Amino acid sequence: MLTFLCIIFSLLSLGRINIDVSWTSLFSQPLVVDIEDVFILVNPTADRPYDAAKEQRLKNAVKQKALDELERPKKKKTKSKN
């Protein structure tokens, strides 16, 4: 969720990606991804003005979503007791 940032990604470089997949136990073993030598170049965007109110709304929405995720198990427990 980087839409509210006033930056643009100019360059992304990955040196090496190693993916370890256990094909014999695909559903029971984790998929391991190693990424080495990551280089990201970002620049500010001049065409999008900074909107403090929009940024605050987005931050509040992210916080509310996190609170809702924390409350979800509690709601399930109370529904199962009733």
C-alpha atoms as a PDB file:
ATOM      1  CA  MET A   1       0.000   0.000   0.000  1.00  0.00           C
ATOM      2  CA  LEU A   2       2.403   2.641  -1.232  1.00  0.00           C
ATOM      3  CA  THR A   3      -0.114   4.685  -3.196  1.00  0.00           C
ATOM      4  CA  PHE A   4      -0.061   7.578  -0.734  1.00  0.00           C
ATOM      5  CA  LEU A   5       3.696   8.122  -1.006  1.00  0.00           C
ATOM      6  CA  CYS A   6       4.819  10.944  -3.256  1.00  0.00           C
ATOM      7  CA  ILE A   7       7.633   8.940  -4.787  1.00  0.00           C
ATOM      8  CA  ILE A   8       8.213   7.078  -8.014  1.00  0.00           C
ATOM      9  CA  PHE A   9      10.369   3.987  -8.368  1.00  0.00           C
ATOM     10  CA  SER A  10      12.960   4.819 -11.018  1.00  0.00           C
ATOM     11  CA  LEU A  11      15.111   1.719 -10.907  1.00  0.00           C
ATOM     12  CA  LEU A  12      14.878  -1.705  -9.332  1.00  0.00           C
ATOM     13  CA  SER A  13      17.737  -4.150  -9.603  1.00  0.00           C
ATOM     14  CA  LEU A  14      17.938  -7.630  -8.109  1.00  0.00           C
ATOM     15  CA  GLY A  15      21.306  -9.325  -8.106  1.00  0.00           C
ATOM     16  CA  ARG A  16      20.232 -12.902  -7.473  1.00  0.00           C
ATOM     17  CA  ILE A  17      17.011 -14.744  -6.683  1.00  0.00           C
ATOM     18  CA  ASN A  18      17.137 -18.306  -5.388  1.00  0.00           C
ATOM     19  CA  ILE A  19      13.836 -20.175  -4.980  1.00  0.00           C
ATOM     20  CA  ASP A  20      13.880 -23.449  -3.049  1.00  0.00           C
ATOM     21  CA  VAL A  21      10.806 -25.577  -3.732  1.00  0.00           C
ATOM     22  CA  SER A  22      10.335 -29.013  -2.207  1.00  0.00           C
ATOM     23  CA  TRP A  23       8.297 -30.599  -4.991  1.00  0.00           C
ATOM     24  CA  THR A  24       7.762 -33.881  -3.143  1.00  0.00           C
ATOM     25  CA  SER A  25       6.095 -32.117  -0.214  1.00  0.00           C
ATOM     26  CA  LEU A  26       4.776 -29.002  -1.903  1.00  0.00           C
ATOM     27  CA  PHE A  27       1.816 -28.472   0.431  1.00  0.00           C
ATOM     28  CA  SER A  28       3.560 -29.254   3.721  1.00  0.00           C
ATOM     29  CA  GLN A  29       6.972 -27.573   3.341  1.00  0.00           C
ATOM     30  CA  PRO A  30       7.636 -23.847   3.015  1.00  0.00           C
ATOM     31  CA  LEU A  31       8.743 -22.195  -0.187  1.00  0.00           C
ATOM     32  CA  VAL A  32      12.016 -20.365   0.484  1.00  0.00           C
ATOM     33  CA  VAL A  33      12.951 -17.310  -1.580  1.00  0.00           C
ATOM     34  CA  ASP A  34      16.381 -15.724  -1.102  1.00  0.00           C
ATOM     35  CA  ILE A  35      16.942 -12.333  -2.708  1.00  0.00           C
ATOM     36  CA  GLU A  36      20.425 -10.819  -2.766  1.00  0.00           C
ATOM     37  CA  ASP A  37      21.771  -7.446  -3.833  1.00  0.00           C
ATOM     38  CA  VAL A  38      18.579  -5.389  -3.971  1.00  0.00           C
ATOM     39  CA  PHE A  39      18.976  -1.849  -5.296  1.00  0.00           C
ATOM     40  CA  ILE A  40      16.001   0.515  -5.414  1.00  0.00           C
ATOM     41  CA  LEU A  41      16.188   4.081  -6.663  1.00  0.00           C
ATOM     42  CA  VAL A  42      13.253   6.333  -5.839  1.00  0.00           C
ATOM     43  CA  ASN A  43      12.569   9.929  -6.813  1.00  0.00           C
ATOM     44  CA  PRO A  44      10.013  12.398  -5.535  1.00  0.00           C
ATOM     45  CA  THR A  45       7.073  13.121  -7.785  1.00  0.00           C
ATOM     46  CA  ALA A  46       6.549  16.740  -8.664  1.00  0.00           C
ATOM     47  CA  ASP A  47       3.264  16.244 -10.526  1.00  0.00           C
ATOM     48  CA  ARG A  48       1.337  15.024  -7.461  1.00  0.00           C
ATOM     49  CA  PRO A  49       0.904  17.598  -4.715  1.00  0.00           C
ATOM     50  CA  TYR A  50       1.092  16.429  -1.132  1.00  0.00           C
ATOM     51  CA  ASP A  51      -2.367  16.011   0.423  1.00  0.00           C
ATOM     52  CA  ALA A  52      -2.083  15.776   4.200  1.00  0.00           C
ATOM     53  CA  ALA A  53      -5.798  15.037   4.683  1.00  0.00           C
ATOM     54  CA  LYS A  54      -5.697  12.155   2.196  1.00  0.00           C
ATOM     55  CA  GLU A  55      -2.605  10.718   3.849  1.00  0.00           C
ATOM     56  CA  GLN A  56      -4.272  10.911   7.267  1.00  0.00           C
ATOM     57  CA  ARG A  57      -7.397   9.138   5.942  1.00  0.00           C
ATOM     58  CA  LEU A  58      -5.252   6.372   4.468  1.00  0.00           C
ATOM     59  CA  LYS A  59      -3.287   5.967   7.702  1.00  0.00           C
ATOM     60  CA  ASN A  60      -6.533   5.777   9.664  1.00  0.00           C
ATOM     61  CA  ALA A  61      -7.918   3.176   7.271  1.00  0.00           C
ATOM     62  CA  VAL A  62      -4.820   1.013   7.700  1.00  0.00           C
ATOM     63  CA  LYS A  63      -5.074   1.315  11.491  1.00  0.00           C
ATOM     64  CA  GLN A  64      -8.785   0.474  11.431  1.00  0.00           C
ATOM     65  CA  LYS A  65      -8.124  -2.601   9.286  1.00  0.00           C
ATOM     66  CA  ALA A  66      -5.476  -3.774  11.777  1.00  0.00           C
ATOM     67  CA  LEU A  67      -7.913  -3.263  14.660  1.00  0.00           C
ATOM     68  CA  ASP A  68     -10.625  -5.163  12.799  1.00  0.00           C
ATOM     69  CA  GLU A  69      -8.208  -8.057  12.237  1.00  0.00           C
ATOM     70  CA  LEU A  70      -7.416  -8.126  15.956  1.00  0.00           C
ATOM     71  CA  GLU A  71     -11.099  -8.047  16.896  1.00  0.00           C
ATOM     72  CA  ARG A  72     -12.161 -10.775  14.466  1.00  0.00           C
ATOM     73  CA  PRO A  73     -11.120 -13.744  16.698  1.00  0.00           C
ATOM     74  CA  LYS A  74     -12.920 -12.181  19.674  1.00  0.00           C
ATOM     75  CA  LYS A  75     -16.116 -11.832  17.656  1.00  0.00           C
ATOM     76  CA  LYS A  76     -15.885 -15.464  16.534  1.00  0.00           C
ATOM     77  CA  LYS A  77     -15.489 -16.623  20.148  1.00  0.00           C
ATOM     78  CA  THR A  78     -18.530 -14.671  21.329  1.00  0.00           C
ATOM     79  CA  LYS A  79     -20.644 -15.980  18.445  1.00  0.00           C
ATOM     80  CA  SER A  80     -19.649 -19.573  19.184  1.00  0.00           C
ATOM     81  CA  LYS A  81     -20.565 -19.188  22.890  1.00  0.00           C
ATOM     82  CA  ASN A  82     -24.074 -17.941  22.038  1.00  0.00           C
END
